[in-house]
Protein backbone atom coordinates (compact mmCIF):
# COMPACT_ATOMS: atom_id res chain seq x y z
CA MET A 1 20.36 -5.40 -26.08
CA ASN A 2 19.13 -7.66 -29.02
CA ILE A 3 18.19 -4.96 -31.40
CA ASN A 4 19.26 -3.72 -34.71
CA LYS A 5 22.26 -1.36 -34.46
CA LYS A 6 20.82 0.45 -37.28
CA LEU A 7 17.73 1.50 -35.45
CA MET A 8 19.57 2.91 -32.76
CA SER A 9 21.13 5.69 -32.01
CA LYS A 10 23.29 6.45 -28.58
CA VAL A 11 23.43 9.55 -26.55
CA VAL A 12 26.24 10.48 -24.09
CA SER A 13 25.80 12.46 -21.01
CA LYS A 14 29.09 14.85 -20.04
CA PHE A 15 29.24 12.16 -16.69
CA GLY A 16 29.66 9.96 -19.29
CA ARG A 17 26.35 8.49 -18.83
CA SER A 18 24.74 6.48 -21.74
CA TYR A 19 21.54 5.46 -23.07
CA SER A 20 19.97 3.95 -26.15
CA VAL A 21 17.04 5.66 -27.92
CA PHE A 22 14.83 3.56 -30.36
CA SER A 23 14.69 5.44 -33.95
CA ASN A 24 11.60 3.44 -35.64
CA SER A 25 12.52 0.13 -34.54
CA SER A 26 9.26 -2.14 -33.28
CA PRO A 27 8.93 -1.96 -29.24
CA LEU A 28 7.78 -5.90 -29.08
CA GLN A 29 12.06 -6.10 -29.74
CA GLY A 30 12.37 -3.90 -26.65
CA LYS A 31 13.46 -5.40 -23.24
CA TYR A 32 11.10 -4.26 -20.45
CA GLY A 33 11.17 -6.69 -17.90
CA GLN A 34 7.26 -6.21 -16.99
CA PRO A 35 3.75 -5.85 -18.53
CA THR A 36 3.30 -3.12 -21.58
CA GLU A 37 1.15 -1.83 -23.72
CA TRP A 38 3.13 -3.72 -26.55
CA THR A 39 3.21 -6.74 -24.75
CA HIS A 40 0.40 -7.55 -22.65
CA PRO A 41 -2.54 -5.36 -23.92
CA HIS A 42 -5.00 -7.15 -22.19
CA ILE A 43 -3.20 -5.59 -19.11
CA ILE A 44 -1.83 -2.50 -20.15
CA GLY A 45 -3.55 0.87 -21.94
CA LYS A 46 -1.91 2.53 -24.37
CA GLY A 47 0.66 4.98 -22.81
CA GLU A 48 0.29 3.38 -19.57
CA VAL A 49 3.36 2.17 -17.26
CA ASN A 50 1.42 0.44 -14.86
CA LYS A 51 -1.93 -0.53 -15.26
CA GLY A 52 -4.38 2.56 -15.44
CA ILE A 53 -1.63 4.87 -14.98
CA GLN A 54 -0.22 7.16 -17.68
CA LYS A 55 3.57 7.62 -18.33
CA SER A 56 2.90 11.17 -18.42
CA GLU A 57 1.55 10.94 -14.71
CA PHE A 58 4.97 9.18 -13.39
CA ARG A 59 6.66 12.13 -15.06
CA THR A 60 4.36 14.49 -13.39
CA ARG A 61 5.09 12.98 -9.95
CA ARG A 62 8.93 13.00 -10.18
CA GLU A 63 8.97 16.52 -11.12
CA LYS A 64 6.12 17.19 -8.30
CA ILE A 65 8.54 15.87 -5.22
CA ALA A 66 11.44 18.17 -6.58
CA GLU A 67 9.10 20.97 -6.26
CA ASN A 68 7.80 20.32 -2.82
CA LEU A 69 11.04 19.01 -1.62
CA ILE A 70 12.51 22.34 -2.63
CA ALA A 71 9.37 24.64 -1.39
CA GLU A 72 10.20 22.54 2.07
CA LYS A 73 13.81 22.84 2.23
CA ILE A 74 12.70 26.49 1.47
CA SER A 75 10.44 27.22 4.48
CA LEU A 76 12.71 25.48 6.60
CA LYS A 77 16.25 27.16 5.70
CA ASN A 78 14.30 31.02 5.09
CA ASN A 79 15.08 30.83 1.71
CA GLN A 80 19.03 30.03 1.86
CA ILE A 81 19.47 26.51 -0.07
CA SER A 82 22.07 24.58 -1.70
CA ASP A 83 22.15 25.05 -5.67
CA LYS A 84 22.32 21.73 -6.24
CA HIS A 85 19.85 18.64 -5.13
CA LEU A 86 19.65 14.89 -5.39
CA LEU A 87 17.07 12.77 -4.63
CA ILE A 88 17.92 8.79 -4.37
CA VAL A 89 15.18 6.39 -4.20
CA PRO A 90 16.41 2.69 -4.43
CA ALA A 91 13.92 -0.41 -6.03
CA ALA A 92 13.83 -3.20 -3.20
CA LYS A 93 16.36 -5.89 -3.15
CA ARG A 94 15.27 -9.69 -4.29
CA GLN A 95 15.18 -11.58 -1.19
CA TYR A 96 15.75 -15.52 -0.99
CA MET A 97 14.15 -18.42 0.45
CA VAL A 98 16.78 -20.76 0.56
CA ASP A 99 19.85 -21.20 -2.08
CA LYS A 100 18.38 -19.80 -5.53
CA ILE A 101 14.78 -20.07 -4.44
CA PRO A 102 13.48 -16.51 -4.13
CA TYR A 103 10.86 -15.22 -2.09
CA PHE A 104 7.81 -13.24 -4.16
CA TYR A 105 9.17 -9.85 -5.18
CA ARG A 106 6.97 -6.58 -4.31
CA GLN A 107 8.77 -3.34 -5.94
CA GLU A 108 9.66 -0.84 -2.97
CA THR A 109 6.30 1.25 -2.59
CA ASP A 110 7.71 4.72 -2.96
CA PHE A 111 9.91 3.46 -5.83
CA ARG A 112 6.83 2.01 -7.84
CA TYR A 113 4.85 5.44 -6.96
CA LEU A 114 7.69 7.31 -8.61
CA THR A 115 8.70 5.61 -11.43
CA GLY A 116 6.38 2.54 -12.41
CA CYS A 117 9.25 0.17 -12.52
CA LEU A 118 8.76 -3.11 -10.85
CA GLN A 119 12.23 -4.78 -11.12
CA PRO A 120 14.98 -5.11 -8.53
CA ASP A 121 18.63 -3.91 -9.43
CA THR A 122 16.99 -0.46 -9.82
CA VAL A 123 17.72 3.12 -8.55
CA LEU A 124 16.06 6.09 -9.05
CA VAL A 125 18.18 9.46 -9.17
CA ILE A 126 16.82 12.76 -9.88
CA GLU A 127 18.95 15.98 -10.45
CA PHE A 128 17.31 19.46 -9.63
CA SER A 129 17.23 22.71 -8.15
CA ARG A 130 14.67 25.37 -7.87
CA ASN A 131 13.67 25.66 -11.14
CA TRP A 132 14.41 22.47 -13.05
CA SER A 133 14.90 18.51 -13.01
CA LYS A 134 16.08 15.32 -14.50
CA SER A 135 15.42 11.55 -14.00
CA VAL A 136 17.72 8.80 -14.07
CA LEU A 137 17.14 5.45 -13.82
CA PHE A 138 20.22 3.08 -13.03
CA CYS A 139 19.40 -0.20 -13.69
CA LYS A 140 21.00 -3.58 -14.81
CA GLU A 141 20.90 -4.71 -18.00
CA SER A 142 19.95 -8.54 -18.21
CA SER A 143 22.53 -11.28 -20.18
CA PRO A 144 21.26 -13.83 -22.31
CA TYR A 145 22.01 -16.32 -19.43
CA ASP A 146 19.95 -13.83 -17.46
CA GLU A 147 17.29 -13.86 -19.97
CA LYS A 148 17.39 -17.35 -19.85
CA TRP A 149 16.21 -18.31 -16.33
CA GLU A 150 14.63 -15.24 -15.32
CA GLY A 151 13.71 -13.04 -18.38
CA ALA A 152 14.35 -10.01 -19.70
CA LYS A 153 15.48 -6.87 -17.47
CA ILE A 154 14.66 -3.08 -18.63
CA GLY A 155 17.20 -1.85 -21.00
CA TYR A 156 18.58 1.39 -21.00
CA GLY A 157 16.36 2.70 -24.00
CA GLU A 158 13.47 1.39 -22.81
CA ALA A 159 14.23 2.98 -19.46
CA VAL A 160 14.09 6.03 -21.49
CA ASN A 161 11.46 5.34 -23.88
CA PHE A 162 8.42 3.17 -22.19
CA LEU A 163 9.30 4.46 -18.65
CA GLY A 164 9.63 7.98 -19.51
CA PHE A 165 13.38 9.06 -17.44
CA ASP A 166 15.49 11.60 -19.26
CA GLU A 167 18.48 9.15 -19.20
CA ALA A 168 19.61 5.57 -18.21
CA SER A 169 22.90 4.20 -17.12
CA PRO A 170 24.36 1.33 -15.71
CA LEU A 171 24.01 0.33 -11.98
CA SER A 172 27.66 -0.20 -11.59
CA SER A 173 28.02 3.45 -12.50
CA LEU A 174 26.15 4.70 -9.86
CA GLU A 175 28.75 5.31 -7.05
CA ASP A 176 31.55 7.05 -10.03
CA TYR A 177 28.32 9.08 -10.74
CA LEU A 178 27.80 10.10 -7.13
CA TYR A 179 31.08 11.21 -6.81
CA ASN A 180 31.44 13.12 -9.80
CA PHE A 181 28.03 14.75 -9.38
CA LYS A 182 29.54 16.12 -6.01
CA LYS A 183 32.78 17.42 -7.42
CA LEU A 184 30.59 19.57 -10.25
CA ASN A 185 28.17 20.80 -7.30
CA PRO A 186 30.07 21.43 -4.50
CA LYS A 187 27.46 22.82 -2.80
CA LEU A 188 25.03 19.70 -2.63
CA ASP A 189 21.79 18.30 -0.62
CA VAL A 190 21.37 14.97 -0.68
CA TRP A 191 17.80 13.46 -0.17
CA TYR A 192 17.99 10.50 0.81
CA ASP A 193 16.66 7.74 3.99
CA TYR A 194 19.96 6.49 5.72
CA MET A 195 18.21 5.77 8.89
CA ASP A 196 15.46 3.53 7.62
CA PRO A 197 17.06 1.98 4.35
CA THR A 198 15.31 -0.42 2.04
CA ASN A 199 18.18 -1.71 0.00
CA PHE A 200 21.28 -2.56 1.68
CA ASP A 201 23.50 -3.03 -0.99
CA ILE A 202 22.88 0.61 -2.07
CA HIS A 203 22.62 1.87 1.63
CA LYS A 204 26.83 0.67 1.40
CA ILE A 205 27.02 2.97 -1.67
CA MET A 206 25.44 5.51 -0.06
CA LEU A 207 27.01 5.53 3.61
CA ASN A 208 30.78 5.42 1.48
CA PHE A 209 29.45 8.72 -0.45
CA ILE A 210 28.27 10.24 2.62
CA GLN A 211 31.47 9.41 4.94
CA ASP A 212 33.62 10.53 1.98
CA THR A 213 32.40 13.83 0.83
CA ASN A 214 31.62 17.21 2.69
CA ILE A 215 27.54 16.87 1.85
CA ASN A 216 25.56 20.30 2.51
CA ASN A 217 22.81 18.42 3.92
CA ILE A 218 21.38 14.98 4.01
CA ASP A 219 17.35 14.31 4.42
CA SER A 220 14.87 11.60 4.03
CA PRO A 221 12.20 12.16 1.88
CA ARG A 222 9.99 10.07 2.92
CA SER A 223 7.37 12.64 4.60
CA THR A 224 7.12 14.35 1.89
CA LEU A 225 6.92 11.59 -0.41
CA HIS A 226 4.06 10.22 1.80
CA ASN A 227 2.48 13.39 2.11
CA MET A 228 1.97 13.75 -1.76
CA ARG A 229 0.47 9.54 -1.91
CA VAL A 230 -1.84 10.47 0.91
CA VAL A 231 -3.72 12.30 -1.58
CA LYS A 232 -4.78 9.87 -4.72
CA SER A 233 -5.12 11.04 -8.17
CA PRO A 234 -8.06 10.12 -10.21
CA ALA A 235 -6.26 7.62 -11.85
CA GLU A 236 -5.79 6.07 -8.10
CA VAL A 237 -9.03 6.73 -6.76
CA SER A 238 -10.48 4.33 -10.11
CA LEU A 239 -8.06 1.53 -9.42
CA MET A 240 -8.86 1.44 -5.20
CA ARG A 241 -12.38 1.24 -6.52
CA THR A 242 -11.74 -1.82 -8.71
CA SER A 243 -9.36 -3.34 -6.13
CA CYS A 244 -11.73 -2.74 -3.02
CA ALA A 245 -14.77 -4.03 -5.41
CA VAL A 246 -12.69 -6.85 -6.77
CA GLY A 247 -11.69 -7.85 -2.37
CA ALA A 248 -15.18 -7.37 -1.39
CA GLU A 249 -17.19 -9.17 -3.78
CA ALA A 250 -14.24 -12.49 -3.08
CA MET A 251 -15.32 -12.07 0.29
CA LYS A 252 -19.09 -12.10 -0.41
CA ARG A 253 -18.44 -15.34 -2.34
CA THR A 254 -16.42 -16.45 0.28
CA ILE A 255 -19.20 -15.79 2.92
CA ARG A 256 -22.00 -17.37 0.34
CA ARG A 257 -20.02 -20.99 0.43
CA SER A 258 -19.38 -20.75 4.20
CA LYS A 259 -21.79 -24.33 4.97
CA ASN A 260 -19.06 -25.70 2.51
CA LEU A 261 -16.23 -25.36 3.90
CA SER A 262 -14.97 -26.98 7.01
CA THR A 263 -11.29 -24.86 8.61
CA GLU A 264 -9.83 -21.63 8.26
CA GLY A 265 -7.54 -22.28 5.57
CA GLN A 266 -10.64 -23.57 3.31
CA PHE A 267 -11.88 -19.74 3.59
CA LEU A 268 -8.50 -18.22 3.06
CA ALA A 269 -8.30 -20.58 -0.12
CA SER A 270 -11.82 -19.33 -1.29
CA VAL A 271 -11.12 -15.65 -0.40
CA GLU A 272 -7.57 -15.73 -1.98
CA PHE A 273 -8.86 -17.62 -5.21
CA GLU A 274 -11.93 -15.51 -6.06
CA SER A 275 -9.65 -12.38 -5.84
CA ARG A 276 -7.29 -13.54 -7.97
CA MET A 277 -9.98 -14.61 -10.44
CA GLN A 278 -11.20 -10.99 -10.79
CA GLY A 279 -8.04 -10.17 -11.73
CA ALA A 280 -6.42 -9.39 -8.67
CA ASN A 281 -2.35 -9.95 -8.45
CA TYR A 282 -2.36 -11.47 -4.93
CA LEU A 283 -3.79 -10.95 -1.66
CA ALA A 284 -2.52 -7.48 -0.03
CA TYR A 285 -1.41 -8.69 3.53
CA PRO A 286 -1.23 -12.42 5.16
CA PRO A 287 -5.00 -12.65 6.23
CA VAL A 288 -7.06 -13.17 9.24
CA VAL A 289 -9.45 -15.83 9.30
CA ALA A 290 -10.09 -16.95 12.65
CA ALA A 291 -12.90 -18.86 14.11
CA GLY A 292 -14.31 -18.54 17.19
CA ASN A 293 -11.71 -17.54 20.10
CA ASN A 294 -9.45 -16.77 18.12
CA ALA A 295 -10.91 -14.02 16.62
CA ASN A 296 -10.00 -12.70 20.02
CA THR A 297 -5.68 -12.47 18.98
CA ILE A 298 -6.32 -9.66 16.76
CA HIS A 299 -3.25 -10.30 14.51
CA TYR A 300 -4.05 -14.15 14.20
CA ILE A 301 -2.70 -15.74 10.81
CA ALA A 302 -1.95 -19.36 11.43
CA SER A 303 -5.28 -20.37 9.62
CA THR A 304 -5.13 -24.11 11.18
CA SER A 305 -8.47 -24.46 13.12
CA ALA A 306 -11.13 -26.44 11.86
CA VAL A 307 -14.90 -24.17 12.03
CA HIS A 308 -17.86 -25.14 13.72
CA PRO A 309 -21.06 -23.82 12.63
CA SER A 310 -22.46 -22.37 15.95
CA GLU A 311 -18.74 -19.65 15.71
CA LEU A 312 -18.41 -16.44 14.41
CA VAL A 313 -16.46 -16.55 11.57
CA LEU A 314 -13.88 -13.40 11.35
CA MET A 315 -12.40 -12.69 8.34
CA ASP A 316 -9.73 -9.45 7.47
CA ALA A 317 -8.21 -9.76 4.10
CA GLY A 318 -8.12 -7.57 0.67
CA CYS A 319 -6.27 -8.04 -2.44
CA GLU A 320 -3.41 -5.68 -4.79
CA PHE A 321 -4.51 -4.75 -7.88
CA HIS A 322 -1.79 -3.61 -9.83
CA GLY A 323 -0.35 -1.66 -6.69
CA TYR A 324 -3.31 -0.91 -4.81
CA ALA A 325 -4.64 -2.37 -1.81
CA SER A 326 -7.94 -3.11 -0.39
CA ASP A 327 -8.49 -3.96 3.45
CA ILE A 328 -11.45 -5.34 4.21
CA THR A 329 -13.53 -7.10 7.53
CA ARG A 330 -16.39 -8.77 7.89
CA THR A 331 -17.99 -11.26 11.10
CA TRP A 332 -20.37 -13.92 10.12
CA PRO A 333 -22.16 -17.00 11.26
CA ALA A 334 -20.31 -20.22 10.10
CA GLY A 335 -23.70 -21.88 10.26
CA GLY A 336 -25.78 -18.90 8.51
CA SER A 337 -27.41 -17.52 12.24
CA PHE A 338 -26.17 -15.53 14.78
CA SER A 339 -26.84 -16.61 18.32
CA ASP A 340 -28.67 -13.90 20.45
CA PRO A 341 -25.12 -13.10 22.41
CA GLN A 342 -23.85 -12.80 18.95
CA ARG A 343 -25.89 -10.37 17.23
CA CYS A 344 -25.61 -8.31 20.68
CA VAL A 345 -21.96 -7.86 20.06
CA TYR A 346 -22.63 -7.76 16.16
CA GLU A 347 -24.67 -4.64 16.45
CA ALA A 348 -23.36 -2.50 19.10
CA VAL A 349 -20.18 -2.69 16.14
CA LEU A 350 -21.97 -2.50 13.01
CA ASP A 351 -23.82 0.83 14.52
CA THR A 352 -20.38 2.23 15.80
CA GLN A 353 -18.95 1.51 12.11
CA GLN A 354 -22.17 3.44 10.68
CA ARG A 355 -22.11 6.18 12.52
CA LEU A 356 -18.67 6.72 12.51
CA ILE A 357 -18.74 6.50 8.77
CA ARG A 358 -21.73 8.88 8.15
CA GLY A 359 -19.61 11.51 10.69
CA ILE A 360 -16.80 12.00 8.36
CA VAL A 361 -16.56 15.77 7.41
CA PRO A 362 -14.25 16.46 4.81
CA GLY A 363 -11.52 19.25 5.88
CA VAL A 364 -12.50 18.70 9.54
CA THR A 365 -12.75 15.02 10.55
CA THR A 366 -9.06 13.52 11.43
CA ILE A 367 -7.95 9.83 11.54
CA ASN A 368 -7.37 10.31 15.30
CA GLY A 369 -10.48 12.42 15.93
CA LEU A 370 -12.16 9.06 14.47
CA TYR A 371 -10.46 7.02 17.16
CA ASN A 372 -12.11 9.24 19.96
CA ASP A 373 -15.17 9.61 18.16
CA MET A 374 -14.74 5.41 18.27
CA GLN A 375 -14.30 5.06 22.04
CA ASP A 376 -17.15 7.30 22.91
CA ILE A 377 -19.62 5.36 20.63
CA LEU A 378 -18.87 1.71 20.82
CA GLY A 379 -18.22 2.32 24.69
CA LYS A 380 -21.92 3.39 25.23
CA ASN A 381 -22.86 0.53 23.14
CA LEU A 382 -21.24 -1.98 24.86
CA GLN A 383 -22.73 -0.29 27.77
CA ASN A 384 -25.95 -1.00 26.68
CA ILE A 385 -25.33 -4.59 26.18
CA GLY A 386 -24.11 -5.25 29.48
CA LEU A 387 -20.33 -5.78 28.61
CA ILE A 388 -19.22 -2.04 30.41
CA ASP A 389 -21.07 -0.63 33.86
CA PRO A 390 -23.82 1.73 32.98
CA ASN A 391 -22.22 4.01 35.74
CA ASP A 392 -18.40 3.75 34.97
CA GLU A 393 -18.82 7.08 32.79
CA LYS A 394 -15.55 8.33 34.44
CA TYR A 395 -13.05 5.25 32.92
CA LEU A 396 -15.21 4.74 29.93
CA SER A 397 -12.60 5.23 27.12
CA ALA A 398 -10.03 2.58 29.52
CA ARG A 399 -13.08 -0.05 29.77
CA THR A 400 -13.71 0.71 25.94
CA HIS A 401 -9.94 0.02 25.37
CA GLU A 402 -10.20 -3.48 26.97
CA PHE A 403 -12.79 -4.37 24.34
CA CYS A 404 -10.90 -2.90 21.20
CA PRO A 405 -7.50 -1.96 21.69
CA HIS A 406 -6.37 -1.03 18.32
CA HIS A 407 -7.17 2.13 16.28
CA VAL A 408 -10.15 2.82 14.32
CA SER A 409 -8.37 3.57 11.00
CA HIS A 410 -5.28 4.03 8.89
CA TYR A 411 -4.39 5.36 5.38
CA LEU A 412 -4.81 3.05 2.56
CA GLY A 413 -3.35 3.16 -0.81
CA MET A 414 -0.69 1.01 -2.21
CA ASP A 415 0.39 -0.15 1.21
CA VAL A 416 -2.17 -1.68 3.35
CA HIS A 417 -1.05 0.37 6.16
CA ASP A 418 -0.29 3.75 3.80
CA CYS A 419 1.65 6.45 4.14
CA GLY A 420 3.32 5.58 7.49
CA LYS A 421 5.05 9.39 7.52
CA ALA A 422 1.62 11.18 6.97
CA SER A 423 0.16 12.92 10.08
CA LYS A 424 -3.05 11.11 11.82
CA LYS A 425 -3.98 14.93 12.98
CA GLN A 426 -4.40 16.03 9.87
CA PRO A 427 -8.24 16.80 8.22
CA LEU A 428 -9.25 14.03 5.44
CA LEU A 429 -9.08 15.75 2.37
CA PRO A 430 -10.71 14.71 -0.94
CA GLY A 431 -8.70 12.10 -2.75
CA MET A 432 -7.88 10.01 0.97
CA VAL A 433 -8.80 6.61 1.16
CA ILE A 434 -8.97 5.28 4.71
CA THR A 435 -10.18 2.26 6.80
CA VAL A 436 -13.21 2.52 9.41
CA GLU A 437 -12.61 -0.62 11.62
CA PRO A 438 -14.49 -0.63 15.17
CA GLY A 439 -14.37 -3.72 17.04
CA CYS A 440 -14.80 -5.87 19.95
CA TYR A 441 -13.04 -8.40 21.28
CA ILE A 442 -14.04 -10.79 24.60
CA PRO A 443 -11.71 -13.68 25.13
CA ALA A 444 -13.25 -17.18 26.27
CA SER A 445 -10.86 -16.25 29.56
CA LYS A 446 -12.41 -13.01 30.17
CA GLY A 447 -13.90 -14.03 33.59
CA THR A 448 -15.17 -10.54 34.34
CA VAL A 449 -17.94 -10.35 32.11
CA ASP A 450 -21.24 -12.61 31.41
CA GLY A 451 -20.46 -16.00 30.43
CA ARG A 452 -22.70 -15.54 27.36
CA PHE A 453 -20.23 -12.91 25.56
CA ARG A 454 -16.94 -15.11 26.27
CA GLY A 455 -15.36 -16.35 23.11
CA ILE A 456 -17.31 -13.58 20.62
CA GLY A 457 -14.98 -11.66 18.72
CA CYS A 458 -15.95 -9.27 16.17
CA ARG A 459 -14.99 -6.65 13.83
CA LEU A 460 -16.09 -4.92 10.25
CA GLU A 461 -14.20 -3.11 8.08
CA ASP A 462 -14.74 -1.00 5.28
CA ASP A 463 -12.59 1.39 2.65
CA VAL A 464 -13.75 4.77 2.49
CA LEU A 465 -12.38 7.53 0.30
CA ILE A 466 -13.44 11.01 1.27
CA THR A 467 -15.23 13.00 -1.61
CA GLU A 468 -15.46 16.54 -2.20
CA ASN A 469 -19.29 16.31 -0.50
CA GLY A 470 -18.83 13.44 1.98
CA VAL A 471 -17.44 9.96 2.07
CA GLU A 472 -17.82 7.29 -1.01
CA VAL A 473 -17.69 3.49 0.62
CA LEU A 474 -15.65 1.26 -1.62
CA SER A 475 -15.72 -2.11 -0.21
CA ASP A 476 -19.70 -1.59 -0.10
CA GLY A 477 -20.17 -4.61 -2.23
CA CYS A 478 -19.94 -7.13 0.77
CA PRO A 479 -22.88 -6.79 2.52
CA ASN A 480 -22.84 -5.64 6.25
CA THR A 481 -25.83 -6.25 8.40
CA ILE A 482 -27.15 -9.13 9.91
CA GLU A 483 -30.30 -9.94 7.52
CA GLU A 484 -27.92 -9.62 4.48
CA LEU A 485 -25.51 -11.81 6.24
CA GLU A 486 -27.90 -14.66 7.50
CA GLY A 487 -29.91 -14.34 3.52
CA LEU A 488 -26.39 -14.75 2.00
CA ILE A 489 -24.97 -18.27 3.91
CA ALA A 490 -29.02 -19.45 3.54
């Protein structure tokens, strides 16, 4: 490390690990590899590791996952559990387009949630037992050559002082560490997602370790992690509010300039520009920008078509703001006025969404329950406008599915489709954030409906925070009524 050795002290653990600890040295001299309160005070506040989230919160998360995994094991094993446990969560591996040209790096979500570390070549290990835990970051300090090309990476001392780990060690020592730890702790449970690995270099080390040693038990921590992540802390809720506000405003500004945009690509460029100009890091996912009949391809991301004034534009876009995503969809007339058939379909979808949001009861409503309610409400609305036979009550759910084949909700947070291991059957609790997104899709080729409706595709999506007394629509900064949309474009 490029720090005066007189200002450093070195600690060596019983496993031969070593890490450096600052002693009155300037934080500006450290190797961090990501924004800090000293290097980027316009982004990171005092005591924060990531924007808006304190070092103490990351430490609490690491302690909490250890407690929850122990509790889970006790409940399954009738209080018979191993003496020691290891949790291993690798960072995402950097991927390359070709040769030395990397793809944009996005950290593995569970790793970021537990560490705040935004860099590759790092692995989180938590040693824990019933009433004790210790977190260790295995990392790869940068050489002068690395720093010339890619900048500094997190150093051992910085991992302890800035990120708040108990210890830090060279990544190259991980394999020896695992074998030594197992030798000293014969009754060992390992928590590692071996069925869905995110870093194949680390996965190879883990497979060799598992095969060579008599591990007492190995389980994936994902379900427990996602059940933690699905309920947001106050700091996370604040970041979600900002992400959704930025995403909503970016879409609103894009809608306003519709008459000056003539291709789907220009609409896409507008929403990305506006998101970044308000502080978003990037778009949260490849957006759907679909004009006319393209909107009936639910995951249409080509954005290559021209946009005509008579068509509806369906935009499904959101931004990522310092690790937290928004996910918003609006459908509006490119030329500023809904036709009568477009208006009928739009009002059917809007009414469905509004009634679903109003009907959410904290502690009672579930995501799967919202889907069942959507089929009933939307089905009746489509009967009212003549898209479904009013007498077709027996198969109303199946008929509705023809027009809206996707789910109406998912969890939202650090990932767009967040916490995939969290049950959609559990009651929605304060601190959870979900989407509500009914749609109606009528391909131009659908000859069984009135010709006036063919080629119309419509979806509306908002981001909803569950509160103690109801809900808060985080994305309501973007208009959704016909009058507001037409007024915005005029």
